[in-house]
Amino acid sequence: VAVRGRGLMAGVELGYPAAPVAEALLEQGVIVNATAHSVLRLLPPFIVTRAEIDQALEPMRAIIEACG
């Protein structure tokens, strides 16, 4: 897993298909999209709080570990 980005926009290179991960995250209420075969795009609003980021990271970790 590699992460690249600019500002709050981040791309997470998974090394495996990102679409199933994006779908599972959406089911958990984390809005992301798969922009390439193996890249998840994260684009939170500028007013996102640290608590909201932490809330999104827990399901992201679990789903990425389970899919990888």
N, C-alpha and C. Protein backbone atom coordinates (compact mmCIF):
# COMPACT_ATOMS: atom_id res chain seq x y z
N VAL A 1 0.85 -1.18 0.00
CA VAL A 1 0.00 0.00 0.00
C VAL A 1 0.89 1.23 0.00
N ALA A 2 0.64 2.12 -0.94
CA ALA A 2 1.36 3.38 -1.02
C ALA A 2 0.35 4.51 -1.06
N VAL A 3 0.68 5.63 -0.44
CA VAL A 3 -0.22 6.78 -0.41
C VAL A 3 0.49 7.96 -1.04
N ARG A 4 -0.22 8.66 -1.91
CA ARG A 4 0.31 9.89 -2.50
C ARG A 4 -0.81 10.91 -2.50
N GLY A 5 -0.45 12.17 -2.53
CA GLY A 5 -1.52 13.16 -2.52
C GLY A 5 -1.02 14.58 -2.53
N ARG A 6 -1.99 15.46 -2.49
CA ARG A 6 -1.74 16.89 -2.45
C ARG A 6 -2.86 17.51 -1.64
N GLY A 7 -2.50 18.27 -0.61
CA GLY A 7 -3.53 18.84 0.25
C GLY A 7 -4.30 17.72 0.92
N LEU A 8 -5.61 17.81 0.91
CA LEU A 8 -6.44 16.76 1.51
C LEU A 8 -6.75 15.63 0.54
N MET A 9 -6.44 15.80 -0.74
CA MET A 9 -6.71 14.73 -1.71
C MET A 9 -5.61 13.69 -1.62
N ALA A 10 -6.01 12.43 -1.51
CA ALA A 10 -5.03 11.35 -1.41
C ALA A 10 -5.44 10.20 -2.31
N GLY A 11 -4.44 9.56 -2.88
CA GLY A 11 -4.65 8.34 -3.63
C GLY A 11 -3.94 7.21 -2.90
N VAL A 12 -4.65 6.13 -2.67
CA VAL A 12 -4.08 4.98 -1.97
C VAL A 12 -3.92 3.86 -2.99
N GLU A 13 -2.68 3.56 -3.33
CA GLU A 13 -2.36 2.49 -4.28
C GLU A 13 -2.36 1.19 -3.50
N LEU A 14 -3.34 0.33 -3.80
CA LEU A 14 -3.52 -0.89 -3.04
C LEU A 14 -2.71 -2.07 -3.56
N GLY A 15 -2.47 -2.12 -4.86
CA GLY A 15 -1.78 -3.27 -5.42
C GLY A 15 -2.72 -4.41 -5.78
N TYR A 16 -4.00 -4.19 -5.62
CA TYR A 16 -5.05 -5.14 -5.99
C TYR A 16 -6.29 -4.33 -6.32
N PRO A 17 -7.32 -4.91 -6.92
CA PRO A 17 -8.48 -4.12 -7.36
C PRO A 17 -9.10 -3.28 -6.24
N ALA A 18 -9.31 -2.01 -6.54
CA ALA A 18 -9.82 -1.06 -5.56
C ALA A 18 -11.34 -1.03 -5.50
N ALA A 19 -12.03 -1.45 -6.56
CA ALA A 19 -13.49 -1.35 -6.60
C ALA A 19 -14.18 -2.08 -5.45
N PRO A 20 -13.80 -3.32 -5.13
CA PRO A 20 -14.46 -3.99 -4.01
C PRO A 20 -14.21 -3.29 -2.67
N VAL A 21 -13.04 -2.72 -2.51
CA VAL A 21 -12.72 -1.98 -1.28
C VAL A 21 -13.59 -0.73 -1.21
N ALA A 22 -13.71 -0.01 -2.32
CA ALA A 22 -14.53 1.20 -2.35
C ALA A 22 -15.99 0.86 -2.04
N GLU A 23 -16.50 -0.23 -2.60
CA GLU A 23 -17.88 -0.62 -2.33
C GLU A 23 -18.09 -0.96 -0.85
N ALA A 24 -17.14 -1.69 -0.27
CA ALA A 24 -17.26 -2.05 1.15
C ALA A 24 -17.18 -0.82 2.04
N LEU A 25 -16.33 0.13 1.67
CA LEU A 25 -16.23 1.37 2.46
C LEU A 25 -17.51 2.19 2.35
N LEU A 26 -18.09 2.24 1.16
CA LEU A 26 -19.34 2.98 1.00
C LEU A 26 -20.45 2.37 1.87
N GLU A 27 -20.46 1.04 1.98
CA GLU A 27 -21.44 0.39 2.84
C GLU A 27 -21.25 0.77 4.30
N GLN A 28 -20.02 1.13 4.68
CA GLN A 28 -19.73 1.55 6.05
C GLN A 28 -19.89 3.06 6.24
N GLY A 29 -20.28 3.76 5.18
CA GLY A 29 -20.49 5.21 5.27
C GLY A 29 -19.27 6.04 4.99
N VAL A 30 -18.21 5.42 4.48
CA VAL A 30 -16.98 6.16 4.13
C VAL A 30 -17.02 6.38 2.62
N ILE A 31 -17.09 7.65 2.22
CA ILE A 31 -17.23 7.98 0.80
C ILE A 31 -15.85 8.07 0.15
N VAL A 32 -15.58 7.12 -0.73
CA VAL A 32 -14.35 7.06 -1.52
C VAL A 32 -14.74 6.61 -2.92
N ASN A 33 -13.78 6.64 -3.83
CA ASN A 33 -14.05 6.02 -5.12
C ASN A 33 -12.77 5.40 -5.66
N ALA A 34 -12.95 4.44 -6.55
CA ALA A 34 -11.83 3.78 -7.20
C ALA A 34 -11.58 4.53 -8.51
N THR A 35 -10.43 5.18 -8.62
CA THR A 35 -10.15 6.00 -9.79
C THR A 35 -9.33 5.29 -10.84
N ALA A 36 -8.68 4.24 -10.47
CA ALA A 36 -7.93 3.40 -11.39
C ALA A 36 -8.10 1.98 -10.90
N HIS A 37 -7.54 1.05 -11.58
CA HIS A 37 -7.72 -0.35 -11.21
C HIS A 37 -7.43 -0.60 -9.73
N SER A 38 -6.37 -0.02 -9.22
CA SER A 38 -5.95 -0.33 -7.86
C SER A 38 -5.77 0.90 -6.97
N VAL A 39 -6.42 2.01 -7.32
CA VAL A 39 -6.25 3.25 -6.55
C VAL A 39 -7.58 3.72 -5.96
N LEU A 40 -7.57 3.97 -4.65
CA LEU A 40 -8.71 4.60 -3.97
C LEU A 40 -8.44 6.09 -3.88
N ARG A 41 -9.43 6.90 -4.20
CA ARG A 41 -9.28 8.34 -4.06
C ARG A 41 -10.04 8.79 -2.82
N LEU A 42 -9.35 9.54 -1.97
CA LEU A 42 -9.94 10.13 -0.78
C LEU A 42 -9.93 11.64 -0.98
N LEU A 43 -11.07 12.27 -0.87
CA LEU A 43 -11.16 13.71 -1.09
C LEU A 43 -12.13 14.31 -0.07
N PRO A 44 -11.67 14.43 1.18
CA PRO A 44 -12.55 14.97 2.22
C PRO A 44 -12.76 16.48 2.04
N PRO A 45 -13.83 17.00 2.61
CA PRO A 45 -14.05 18.45 2.54
C PRO A 45 -13.01 19.18 3.40
N PHE A 46 -12.80 20.44 3.09
CA PHE A 46 -11.83 21.24 3.85
C PHE A 46 -12.24 21.42 5.31
N ILE A 47 -13.51 21.24 5.62
CA ILE A 47 -13.97 21.44 7.00
C ILE A 47 -14.01 20.15 7.80
N VAL A 48 -13.37 19.10 7.31
CA VAL A 48 -13.36 17.82 8.01
C VAL A 48 -12.62 17.99 9.34
N THR A 49 -13.11 17.31 10.36
CA THR A 49 -12.47 17.38 11.68
C THR A 49 -11.58 16.17 11.89
N ARG A 50 -10.70 16.29 12.84
CA ARG A 50 -9.82 15.16 13.18
C ARG A 50 -10.66 13.95 13.63
N ALA A 51 -11.72 14.21 14.39
CA ALA A 51 -12.58 13.13 14.86
C ALA A 51 -13.24 12.41 13.68
N GLU A 52 -13.65 13.15 12.65
CA GLU A 52 -14.26 12.52 11.47
C GLU A 52 -13.24 11.69 10.70
N ILE A 53 -12.01 12.17 10.63
CA ILE A 53 -10.96 11.40 9.97
C ILE A 53 -10.71 10.11 10.73
N ASP A 54 -10.59 10.22 12.04
CA ASP A 54 -10.38 9.02 12.86
C ASP A 54 -11.53 8.04 12.71
N GLN A 55 -12.74 8.54 12.62
CA GLN A 55 -13.93 7.70 12.46
C GLN A 55 -13.88 6.94 11.13
N ALA A 56 -13.35 7.54 10.10
CA ALA A 56 -13.25 6.90 8.79
C ALA A 56 -12.08 5.92 8.70
N LEU A 57 -11.02 6.18 9.46
CA LEU A 57 -9.83 5.34 9.36
C LEU A 57 -10.04 3.92 9.88
N GLU A 58 -10.83 3.76 10.91
CA GLU A 58 -11.01 2.42 11.48
C GLU A 58 -11.61 1.44 10.47
N PRO A 59 -12.74 1.76 9.82
CA PRO A 59 -13.24 0.82 8.80
C PRO A 59 -12.29 0.69 7.61
N MET A 60 -11.56 1.76 7.27
CA MET A 60 -10.61 1.68 6.16
C MET A 60 -9.53 0.66 6.47
N ARG A 61 -8.97 0.74 7.66
CA ARG A 61 -7.93 -0.23 8.03
C ARG A 61 -8.45 -1.66 7.96
N ALA A 62 -9.60 -1.87 8.55
CA ALA A 62 -10.15 -3.23 8.62
C ALA A 62 -10.46 -3.78 7.23
N ILE A 63 -11.06 -2.99 6.38
CA ILE A 63 -11.44 -3.45 5.05
C ILE A 63 -10.22 -3.65 4.16
N ILE A 64 -9.27 -2.74 4.22
CA ILE A 64 -8.07 -2.89 3.41
C ILE A 64 -7.28 -4.13 3.84
N GLU A 65 -7.18 -4.36 5.14
CA GLU A 65 -6.50 -5.57 5.62
C GLU A 65 -7.23 -6.83 5.19
N ALA A 66 -8.55 -6.81 5.25
CA ALA A 66 -9.34 -8.00 4.89
C ALA A 66 -9.26 -8.29 3.39
N CYS A 67 -9.21 -7.25 2.58
CA CYS A 67 -9.19 -7.43 1.12
C CYS A 67 -7.78 -7.72 0.59
N GLY A 68 -6.77 -7.29 1.30
CA GLY A 68 -5.41 -7.41 0.82
C GLY A 68 -4.82 -8.71 1.13
